Amino acid sequence: MNDLVTTRKIQRAPPQHSIASPHSSPAHPLGIPLGRIRDAITARRALIARIESAWVSTCEREASRNLAPGVLLDDRETWDKATWNRYLAAAAKSETRFLPRMRRLYDEIARLEAMLALPTTTEAAPRH
């Protein structure tokens, strides 16, 4: 009795873009709702910001070793040449850990923005 078989057809929900107002719903030529494309761009930009933050934290951790008197990690105006050298060395050393993911995300954003730039149509009911 664990097998429940039904003879009714399963109907799929209509696509999101067709649920909106029938008079002025922007339809993307690829059939993807514009809001979903914008959300994907926003999510990728947020991920880039987190990756950049992690990269900066890694570099600052290295730069903070053996700080000279008067050098404040939070104030880069106070950094001496040795601190900058440690920071930049850490950035170069960790580049392969962060940069490929960021480049991939920037490429994805460019593709999504190109999709947004495609002309949209308006699914409008004829007005007489």
Foldseek 3Di string as FASTA:
>chain_A
DPDDDDPDDDDDDDDPQVVPDLAFRWAFPVRDHLVVLVVLLVVLVVVLVVLVVVLQVQLLVQLPPPADPQDDSVDCVRHDPSSVVSSVVSSVVCCVVRVVSNVVSVVSSVVSVVSVPPDIDTSRDDDD
